[in-house]
Amino acid sequence: MKIIARQTLCELSTAAASSTRLRRNLNLHPSYADSVQRLFNAMEPGTYVRPHRHRESDKWELFLVLSGAVAVLSFDDLGKVTKRIELTTEGPILGIEIPEGTWHTLVALVPGTVVFECKRGPYQPLTDKDFAVWAPQEGDPKAAVFVAWFRQAAIGHIPPPA
């Protein structure tokens, strides 16, 4: 039996806040080969999750907010926002399942945000994600511009130049 204590998630948030990426995972699955990937993802405002999609059939992703608040954005092929859903522990929306083939990203709206993520495995780093060409790579100075855009982007908004 695996016990998930609030203290563990608080420590994960602290680790995320002090990391360069402002993000930290805690995997529950035993290996990347596991058929179900289950993890906690602590993210702080300012972290950049490059928009991506999972092209393989049945590669959905489920996100449930456990603390803080996060916006989940979906996009069309050119980067125009098609949906914006905010997940907060205060409700009314606590979770979202993203179907395969959907361009999406998450952006932390407040410090101490932790989401539970569940998706089909196995996880293969080289083929897991198809990154959007209209968004900068992680580490690019323009990523900060995108994070600021994600925080306020609404349906119909188009991305800044990459």
Foldseek 3Di string as FASTA:
>chain_A
DDDDDPVNLVVQLVVLCPDPQSKDKDWPDPALADFKTKIKMAHAAQHFDFWWFFADAQFKKKKFKDAAKKWKFWADLQAATADIDMAHPVDDHGMDIGGGPITMDMGGDHRSIMMMMMTGDNDDPVRGIDGRPQADDPPDPCSSVQSVCSNDHDGGDHGDGD
